């Protein structure tokens, strides 16, 4: 039978066959004339058994010299074993070391977060980080499938922009050929004119906030998905948020069971999110509940992290808070027709203290209202003329939201800090590696 090169993920189809796998030594142990090598190849983990009486001296000598993270090519017979991780192990007949690695910097002892972040390029090889990146990948795939399957067009919004979207205090500024440019806080403003052209659109890319925040919920660079839909009113937006979250969570639970198990995530805490409807609270109701629970919040203030946690502890699935005071929200939001001091805005709060994962609103379709708001927020009028054109030429009702991928993945995986949910985190004190 011919030998073939496969991945660990393909073992099931090759039981009893001699195959070759390329990868790295994740771990190893010895027992007399046996060497047990845990091989990882990016697709899984496999125990490879080297038995000295059954291999050539050269193979045994190579097995003895292997170190953690040495790269190698291993050949052997796939043997089914229920006790082995993944249900298979490899009975080794040949080994070829591509490189014997020096002592790996990350050992079994506890390392502090600074050390691990300084070695993030190597920390990614650990089982926990491997599982997190796989879940993140599946989340992004499920998001794209959700929108593409519903007729949305992907729009790549620019990263360099002439103006603020969420407020000037959190902008990264850069010189742009004699002009001032900023790193994008959101792709939304560019999606709105695209919605007038294509009806249903979304963007998916990096965004930047220059907030000097050190909380576990913040990064200076993060990825965000943002849909924008023509003719969609506020109630329809709330339904879209629910449908989106429930379907993406279903997909992740179906495709990432092994990774979530490796992360020791209690998936029973996620299962209620797959069922709609979700609880919804008007902002005024939310403030009243918080006061009952002992919060010192006053009507008109934005919800703090502790407030969000207190509210979500009352429910087993995401909570939608609606109709915030307009003064604590962005300039482009549609006023509530029943109370213009409030905006048709929604924040979706994740359970278990993970905070806001979605923020959205119906957008103002009034040219006069937007002109007034731009002036009130002291934003440069000339930088928004193109945005105002959307209201000058065929204004229409539309709504959308934004969801940060890292907060969503942190909640799904049950990890406390966003720095583990992005391959190379950017924090106020970290730009390396």
Protein backbone atom coordinates (compact mmCIF):
# COMPACT_ATOMS: atom_id res chain seq x y z
CA UNK A 1 0.00 0.00 0.00
CA UNK A 2 1.51 3.36 -0.96
CA UNK A 3 2.45 5.77 1.77
CA UNK A 4 0.78 9.17 1.63
CA UNK A 5 1.22 12.48 3.46
CA UNK A 6 -1.90 13.46 5.39
CA UNK A 7 -2.97 15.71 8.26
CA UNK A 8 -4.08 14.54 11.69
CA UNK A 9 -7.62 15.63 10.81
CA UNK A 10 -7.65 12.97 8.05
CA UNK A 11 -6.65 9.99 10.21
CA UNK A 12 -10.13 8.47 10.37
CA UNK A 13 -10.04 7.56 6.68
CA UNK A 14 -6.65 5.84 6.97
CA UNK A 15 -6.96 3.34 9.82
CA UNK A 16 -4.56 0.44 9.31
CA UNK A 17 -2.59 2.26 6.58
CA UNK A 18 0.99 3.48 6.61
CA UNK A 19 1.04 7.26 6.28
CA UNK A 20 3.33 10.25 6.84
CA UNK A 21 2.54 13.33 8.90
CA UNK A 22 4.57 16.53 9.18
CA UNK A 23 4.46 18.61 12.31
CA UNK A 24 6.07 19.65 15.58
CA UNK A 25 6.72 17.92 18.91
CA UNK A 26 4.13 19.25 21.35
CA UNK A 27 5.29 17.01 24.17
CA UNK A 28 7.04 13.70 24.76
CA UNK A 29 7.76 11.15 27.48
CA UNK A 30 9.82 7.98 27.79
CA UNK A 31 9.20 4.59 29.32
CA UNK A 32 11.98 2.04 28.94
CA UNK A 33 12.23 1.07 25.28
CA UNK A 34 9.26 3.28 24.38
CA UNK A 35 9.11 6.91 23.34
CA UNK A 36 5.71 8.60 23.27
CA UNK A 37 5.73 11.69 21.06
CA UNK A 38 2.71 14.03 21.01
CA UNK A 39 2.75 15.52 17.53
CA UNK A 40 0.79 18.59 16.50
CA UNK A 41 0.36 19.68 12.90
CA UNK A 42 -2.07 22.61 13.20
CA UNK A 43 -5.06 20.32 12.59
CA UNK A 44 -4.89 18.22 15.74
CA UNK A 45 -2.76 16.20 18.13
CA UNK A 46 -1.53 12.65 17.71
CA UNK A 47 0.37 10.27 19.95
CA UNK A 48 3.22 8.62 18.04
CA UNK A 49 4.80 5.51 19.61
CA UNK A 50 8.41 4.56 18.92
CA UNK A 51 9.27 1.00 20.14
CA UNK A 52 13.02 0.39 20.01
CA UNK A 53 12.98 -3.35 19.03
CA UNK A 54 10.78 -2.56 15.99
CA UNK A 55 12.66 0.40 14.47
CA UNK A 56 16.10 0.93 13.02
CA UNK A 57 18.81 2.38 15.27
CA UNK A 58 18.76 5.65 13.36
CA UNK A 59 15.03 6.10 14.02
CA UNK A 60 15.50 5.43 17.73
CA UNK A 61 18.42 7.85 17.97
CA UNK A 62 16.37 10.55 16.32
CA UNK A 63 13.46 9.91 18.68
CA UNK A 64 15.78 10.23 21.68
CA UNK A 65 17.15 13.60 20.53
CA UNK A 66 13.76 15.24 19.85
CA UNK A 67 12.89 18.30 21.93
CA UNK A 68 9.71 20.31 22.37
CA UNK A 69 8.80 22.12 19.12
CA UNK A 70 11.32 20.21 17.02
CA UNK A 71 9.95 19.94 13.48
CA UNK A 72 9.77 16.50 11.94
CA UNK A 73 8.29 14.13 9.43
CA UNK A 74 6.98 10.90 10.95
CA UNK A 75 5.88 7.75 9.14
CA UNK A 76 3.94 4.87 10.62
CA UNK A 77 0.78 2.81 10.77
CA UNK A 78 -2.49 4.36 11.95
CA UNK A 79 -3.88 2.30 14.83
CA UNK A 80 -7.36 2.80 16.28
CA UNK A 81 -7.29 3.18 20.08
CA UNK A 82 -10.24 4.51 22.06
CA UNK A 83 -7.91 5.58 24.86
CA UNK A 84 -5.88 7.85 22.60
CA UNK A 85 -6.80 11.51 21.94
CA UNK A 86 -8.91 11.53 18.79
CA UNK A 87 -9.25 7.75 18.89
CA UNK A 88 -6.03 6.98 16.96
CA UNK A 89 -2.30 6.70 17.51
CA UNK A 90 0.63 6.14 15.19
CA UNK A 91 2.95 3.14 15.39
CA UNK A 92 6.16 4.74 14.11
CA UNK A 93 8.40 3.09 11.52
CA UNK A 94 10.45 6.12 10.38
CA UNK A 95 11.39 9.57 11.66
CA UNK A 96 13.03 12.48 9.94
CA UNK A 97 13.93 15.52 12.01
CA UNK A 98 13.88 18.74 10.03
CA UNK A 99 15.22 20.74 12.96
CA UNK A 100 16.01 19.95 16.60
CA UNK A 101 14.80 22.99 18.52
CA UNK A 102 16.68 24.53 21.46
CA UNK A 103 14.90 24.74 24.81
CA UNK A 104 11.46 26.24 24.20
CA UNK A 105 10.92 29.50 26.13
CA UNK A 106 7.40 28.58 27.22
CA UNK A 107 7.46 25.66 29.64
CA UNK A 108 4.95 23.94 31.91
CA UNK A 109 5.51 26.41 34.75
CA UNK A 110 3.25 29.40 35.16
CA UNK A 111 4.29 32.45 33.16
CA UNK A 112 3.04 35.98 33.70
CA UNK A 113 0.91 37.72 31.05
CA UNK A 114 3.73 40.07 30.02
CA UNK A 115 6.07 37.16 29.33
CA UNK A 116 3.40 35.34 27.34
CA UNK A 117 2.50 38.44 25.34
CA UNK A 118 6.15 39.16 24.61
CA UNK A 119 6.27 35.62 23.22
CA UNK A 120 2.84 35.75 21.60
CA UNK A 121 4.29 34.40 18.33
CA UNK A 122 5.23 31.22 20.22
CA UNK A 123 2.32 31.21 22.70
CA UNK A 124 -0.03 30.69 19.76
CA UNK A 125 1.26 27.10 19.59
CA UNK A 126 -0.29 26.13 22.93
CA UNK A 127 -3.45 24.04 22.98
CA UNK A 128 -5.51 26.80 24.53
CA UNK A 129 -4.46 29.46 22.03
CA UNK A 130 -4.81 26.97 19.18
CA UNK A 131 -8.41 26.33 20.23
CA UNK A 132 -9.17 30.05 20.56
CA UNK A 133 -7.88 30.84 17.07
CA UNK A 134 -9.92 27.98 15.59
CA UNK A 135 -13.08 29.24 17.28
CA UNK A 136 -12.37 32.77 16.07
CA UNK A 137 -11.95 31.47 12.53
CA UNK A 138 -15.26 29.62 12.67
CA UNK A 139 -17.00 32.69 14.10
CA UNK A 140 -15.78 34.79 11.17
CA UNK A 141 -16.79 32.12 8.68
CA UNK A 142 -20.28 31.84 10.20
CA UNK A 143 -20.67 35.63 10.08
CA UNK A 144 -19.78 35.80 6.40
CA UNK A 145 -22.11 32.91 5.60
CA UNK A 146 -24.94 34.60 7.49
CA UNK A 147 -24.75 37.79 5.46
CA UNK A 148 -23.77 36.33 2.10
CA UNK A 149 -26.61 33.83 2.37
CA UNK A 150 -29.10 36.67 2.86
CA UNK A 151 -28.09 38.69 -0.15
CA UNK A 152 -25.76 41.20 1.52
CA UNK A 153 -22.88 42.67 -0.48
CA UNK A 154 -19.47 42.93 1.19
CA UNK A 155 -18.11 46.48 1.12
CA UNK A 156 -14.49 47.11 2.13
CA UNK A 157 -14.60 50.40 4.00
CA UNK A 158 -11.37 52.44 4.09
CA UNK A 159 -9.04 52.33 7.08
CA UNK A 160 -7.69 55.86 6.51
CA UNK A 161 -10.45 58.44 6.90
CA UNK A 162 -10.76 62.24 7.05
CA UNK A 163 -13.23 62.32 9.96
CA UNK A 164 -14.42 60.74 13.20
CA UNK A 165 -17.33 58.37 13.51
CA UNK A 166 -17.58 57.78 17.27
CA UNK A 167 -15.96 60.94 18.67
CA UNK A 168 -12.68 62.75 18.18
CA UNK A 169 -11.12 61.83 21.56
CA UNK A 170 -10.34 58.25 20.55
CA UNK A 171 -8.80 58.82 17.11
CA UNK A 172 -5.36 57.73 15.95
CA UNK A 173 -4.05 60.64 13.90
CA UNK A 174 -1.49 60.41 11.09
CA UNK A 175 -0.03 62.73 8.47
CA UNK A 176 -1.39 62.02 4.99
CA UNK A 177 0.55 63.84 2.24
CA UNK A 178 0.14 67.23 3.85
CA UNK A 179 -3.32 66.51 5.27
CA UNK A 180 -4.48 64.96 8.53
CA UNK A 181 -5.97 61.49 8.38
CA UNK A 182 -7.28 59.12 11.04
CA UNK A 183 -7.39 55.37 11.48
CA UNK A 184 -10.98 54.22 11.13
CA UNK A 185 -13.14 53.79 14.23
CA UNK A 186 -15.87 52.15 12.17
CA UNK A 187 -16.79 51.43 8.58
CA UNK A 188 -20.39 52.47 9.13
CA UNK A 189 -20.35 55.95 7.60
CA UNK A 190 -19.07 54.45 4.34
CA UNK A 191 -21.66 51.68 4.46
CA UNK A 192 -24.59 54.06 4.49
CA UNK A 193 -24.03 55.38 0.95
CA UNK A 194 -23.27 51.81 -0.13
CA UNK A 195 -26.67 50.76 1.22
CA UNK A 196 -28.26 53.36 -1.05
CA UNK A 197 -26.49 51.68 -3.97
CA UNK A 198 -26.85 48.00 -3.01
CA UNK A 199 -29.65 47.73 -0.46
CA UNK A 200 -28.07 45.33 2.06
CA UNK A 201 -24.34 45.63 2.75
CA UNK A 202 -21.76 44.78 5.38
CA UNK A 203 -18.10 45.43 6.08
CA UNK A 204 -15.69 43.30 8.07
CA UNK A 205 -12.28 44.59 9.01
CA UNK A 206 -9.95 46.20 11.54
CA UNK A 207 -10.94 49.28 13.52
CA UNK A 208 -8.97 51.43 15.93
CA UNK A 209 -9.70 53.30 19.16
CA UNK A 210 -7.08 55.46 20.87
CA UNK A 211 -8.71 55.12 24.28
CA UNK A 212 -6.20 54.86 27.13
CA UNK A 213 -8.12 52.00 28.65
CA UNK A 214 -6.56 49.07 30.50
CA UNK A 215 -9.71 47.03 31.08
CA UNK A 216 -10.08 43.42 30.01
CA UNK A 217 -12.80 44.54 27.56
CA UNK A 218 -10.70 46.88 25.43
CA UNK A 219 -8.10 46.71 22.66
CA UNK A 220 -6.69 49.56 20.59
CA UNK A 221 -7.06 47.49 17.40
CA UNK A 222 -9.94 45.10 16.93
CA UNK A 223 -12.04 43.58 14.16
CA UNK A 224 -15.66 44.53 13.63
CA UNK A 225 -18.49 43.33 11.44
CA UNK A 226 -21.08 45.95 10.49
CA UNK A 227 -24.24 45.41 8.44
CA UNK A 228 -26.28 48.30 7.04
CA UNK A 229 -29.75 47.77 5.57
CA UNK A 230 -31.86 50.13 3.47
CA UNK A 231 -35.50 50.56 4.54
CA UNK A 232 -34.91 48.69 7.81
CA UNK A 233 -36.63 50.33 10.77
CA UNK A 234 -35.69 50.02 14.43
CA UNK A 235 -37.90 47.05 15.31
CA UNK A 236 -36.52 45.17 12.32
CA UNK A 237 -33.00 45.96 13.49
CA UNK A 238 -33.70 44.37 16.88
CA UNK A 239 -34.94 41.24 15.12
CA UNK A 240 -31.82 41.20 12.93
CA UNK A 241 -29.55 41.37 16.01
CA UNK A 242 -31.33 38.38 17.54
CA UNK A 243 -31.36 36.33 14.35
CA UNK A 244 -27.70 37.05 13.72
CA UNK A 245 -26.49 36.12 17.21
CA UNK A 246 -28.60 32.99 17.50
CA UNK A 247 -27.50 31.62 14.15
CA UNK A 248 -23.80 32.34 14.63
CA UNK A 249 -23.83 30.69 18.07
CA UNK A 250 -25.58 27.63 16.61
CA UNK A 251 -22.89 27.33 13.95
CA UNK A 252 -20.06 27.67 16.46
CA UNK A 253 -21.55 25.07 18.80
CA UNK A 254 -21.90 22.67 15.87
CA UNK A 255 -18.41 23.16 14.44
CA UNK A 256 -16.24 23.88 17.50
CA UNK A 257 -17.29 21.30 20.09
CA UNK A 258 -13.78 19.86 20.43
CA UNK A 259 -12.15 23.28 20.76
CA UNK A 260 -14.73 24.48 23.31
CA UNK A 261 -14.18 21.29 25.30
CA UNK A 262 -10.42 21.93 25.26
CA UNK A 263 -11.15 25.41 26.61
CA UNK A 264 -13.34 23.82 29.32
CA UNK A 265 -16.23 26.01 28.22
CA UNK A 266 -19.57 25.12 29.77
CA UNK A 267 -21.61 25.12 26.56
CA UNK A 268 -24.85 24.81 28.51
CA UNK A 269 -24.35 28.53 29.27
CA UNK A 270 -24.40 29.26 25.52
CA UNK A 271 -27.30 27.06 24.45
CA UNK A 272 -30.07 29.48 25.56
CA UNK A 273 -28.69 32.04 23.07
CA UNK A 274 -29.68 29.73 20.21
CA UNK A 275 -33.34 30.28 21.13
CA UNK A 276 -35.28 33.43 20.40
CA UNK A 277 -36.72 35.83 21.47
CA UNK A 278 -34.21 37.59 23.71
CA UNK A 279 -35.24 39.83 26.61
CA UNK A 280 -35.57 43.52 25.74
CA UNK A 281 -35.53 46.47 28.14
CA UNK A 282 -36.22 50.10 27.40
CA UNK A 283 -33.40 52.25 28.83
CA UNK A 284 -35.80 53.69 31.43
CA UNK A 285 -36.77 50.19 32.53
CA UNK A 286 -33.11 49.23 32.73
CA UNK A 287 -32.28 52.21 34.94
CA UNK A 288 -35.22 51.44 37.24
CA UNK A 289 -34.07 47.82 37.59
CA UNK A 290 -30.52 48.92 38.32
CA UNK A 291 -31.66 51.29 41.06
CA UNK A 292 -33.63 48.41 42.61
CA UNK A 293 -30.46 46.30 42.47
CA UNK A 294 -28.45 48.96 44.30
CA UNK A 295 -26.78 50.88 41.46
CA UNK A 296 -26.31 54.64 41.89
CA UNK A 297 -26.97 55.29 38.17
CA UNK A 298 -29.19 58.25 37.32
CA UNK A 299 -31.48 58.60 34.33
CA UNK A 300 -29.55 60.14 31.45
CA UNK A 301 -26.23 58.44 32.23
CA UNK A 302 -24.69 55.72 30.10
CA UNK A 303 -24.51 52.24 31.56
CA UNK A 304 -21.19 51.28 33.11
CA UNK A 305 -19.60 47.84 33.03
CA UNK A 306 -20.89 46.98 36.50
CA UNK A 307 -24.40 48.07 35.50
CA UNK A 308 -24.30 45.84 32.42
CA UNK A 309 -23.15 42.88 34.50
CA UNK A 310 -25.91 43.39 37.07
CA UNK A 311 -28.57 43.41 34.35
CA UNK A 312 -27.29 40.38 32.46
CA UNK A 313 -27.19 38.31 35.65
CA UNK A 314 -31.00 38.39 35.51
CA UNK A 315 -31.13 36.50 32.19
CA UNK A 316 -29.68 33.39 30.57
CA UNK A 317 -29.22 34.89 27.08
CA UNK A 318 -28.22 38.22 25.51
CA UNK A 319 -30.17 41.28 26.65
CA UNK A 320 -31.21 44.15 24.36
CA UNK A 321 -31.26 47.64 25.94
CA UNK A 322 -33.10 50.11 23.72
CA UNK A 323 -33.78 53.83 23.30
CA UNK A 324 -30.80 55.39 25.09
CA UNK A 325 -30.56 59.11 25.85
CA UNK A 326 -29.40 60.76 22.64
CA UNK A 327 -26.68 62.72 24.46
CA UNK A 328 -24.72 59.55 25.29
CA UNK A 329 -24.91 58.19 21.74
CA UNK A 330 -23.37 59.08 18.38
CA UNK A 331 -24.53 62.04 16.30
CA UNK A 332 -25.98 60.00 13.41
CA UNK A 333 -28.72 58.17 15.34
CA UNK A 334 -32.43 58.68 14.64
CA UNK A 335 -34.35 60.39 17.45
CA UNK A 336 -37.17 58.42 19.02
CA UNK A 337 -40.35 59.98 17.53
CA UNK A 338 -42.12 59.54 20.89
CA UNK A 339 -39.31 61.22 22.85
CA UNK A 340 -36.72 63.11 20.74
CA UNK A 341 -34.37 63.31 23.73
CA UNK A 342 -33.75 59.62 23.22
CA UNK A 343 -32.24 57.78 20.25
CA UNK A 344 -33.45 54.69 18.44
CA UNK A 345 -30.33 52.89 19.64
CA UNK A 346 -29.71 49.39 20.94
CA UNK A 347 -26.90 47.76 22.88
CA UNK A 348 -26.86 43.98 23.07
CA UNK A 349 -25.27 42.76 26.30
CA UNK A 350 -23.75 39.30 26.54
CA UNK A 351 -24.44 37.11 29.57
CA UNK A 352 -21.86 36.28 32.25
CA UNK A 353 -20.47 39.79 32.57
CA UNK A 354 -18.99 40.13 29.07
CA UNK A 355 -20.66 43.44 28.41
CA UNK A 356 -21.79 45.04 25.16
CA UNK A 357 -21.15 42.89 22.10
CA UNK A 358 -23.41 44.74 19.63
CA UNK A 359 -24.19 48.42 19.30
CA UNK A 360 -26.63 49.64 16.67
CA UNK A 361 -29.30 52.12 15.73
CA UNK A 362 -31.69 53.38 13.14
CA UNK A 363 -29.81 56.14 11.33
CA UNK A 364 -31.08 59.69 11.02
CA UNK A 365 -32.52 60.30 7.55
CA UNK A 366 -32.94 64.05 8.06
CA UNK A 367 -30.36 66.37 6.51
CA UNK A 368 -31.28 69.18 8.91
CA UNK A 369 -30.97 66.94 11.96
CA UNK A 370 -27.53 65.70 10.94
CA UNK A 371 -26.29 69.21 10.17
CA UNK A 372 -27.38 70.33 13.62
CA UNK A 373 -25.78 67.32 15.33
CA UNK A 374 -22.46 67.77 13.50
CA UNK A 375 -22.39 71.36 14.75
CA UNK A 376 -23.31 70.35 18.32
CA UNK A 377 -20.52 67.74 18.40
CA UNK A 378 -18.10 70.33 16.98
CA UNK A 379 -17.16 68.07 14.09
CA UNK A 380 -15.59 69.54 10.93
CA UNK A 381 -18.52 70.10 8.55
CA UNK A 382 -16.34 69.91 5.43
CA UNK A 383 -15.20 66.39 6.29
CA UNK A 384 -18.82 65.17 6.29
CA UNK A 385 -20.19 66.76 3.14
CA UNK A 386 -19.99 63.43 1.30
CA UNK A 387 -21.91 61.77 4.14
CA UNK A 388 -24.59 64.46 4.07
CA UNK A 389 -25.04 63.82 0.33
CA UNK A 390 -26.74 60.53 1.29
CA UNK A 391 -29.57 62.64 2.74
CA UNK A 392 -29.52 65.25 -0.05
CA UNK A 393 -30.01 62.78 -2.87
CA UNK A 394 -32.75 60.29 -2.11
CA UNK A 395 -32.76 60.07 1.69
CA UNK A 396 -34.22 56.84 3.03
CA UNK A 397 -34.71 55.04 6.37
CA UNK A 398 -31.92 52.60 7.21
CA UNK A 399 -30.41 50.82 10.20
CA UNK A 400 -27.33 48.87 11.14
CA UNK A 401 -25.11 47.62 13.92
CA UNK A 402 -21.50 46.80 14.74
CA UNK A 403 -20.11 43.79 16.59
CA UNK A 404 -16.53 43.50 17.83
CA UNK A 405 -15.23 40.01 17.08
CA UNK A 406 -12.94 39.84 20.10
CA UNK A 407 -15.65 40.47 22.70
CA UNK A 408 -17.89 37.94 21.01
CA UNK A 409 -15.14 35.29 20.92
CA UNK A 410 -14.20 36.01 24.55
CA UNK A 411 -17.79 35.35 25.60
CA UNK A 412 -18.18 32.26 23.43
CA UNK A 413 -14.92 30.77 24.74
CA UNK A 414 -15.36 31.91 28.33
CA UNK A 415 -11.99 33.69 28.53
CA UNK A 416 -11.62 36.75 30.77
CA UNK A 417 -9.49 39.07 28.61
CA UNK A 418 -9.72 40.11 24.96
CA UNK A 419 -5.95 39.84 24.52
CA UNK A 420 -6.29 36.08 24.02
CA UNK A 421 -8.94 36.32 21.32
CA UNK A 422 -6.87 38.08 18.64
CA UNK A 423 -3.64 36.66 17.19
CA UNK A 424 -1.48 39.70 18.01
CA UNK A 425 -3.17 42.03 20.51
CA UNK A 426 -2.58 45.75 20.47
CA UNK A 427 -2.92 47.42 23.87
CA UNK A 428 -1.98 50.90 25.08
CA UNK A 429 1.36 49.57 26.32
CA UNK A 430 1.94 46.88 23.71
CA UNK A 431 2.99 47.03 20.06
CA UNK A 432 5.28 43.94 20.09
CA UNK A 433 5.47 41.43 18.53
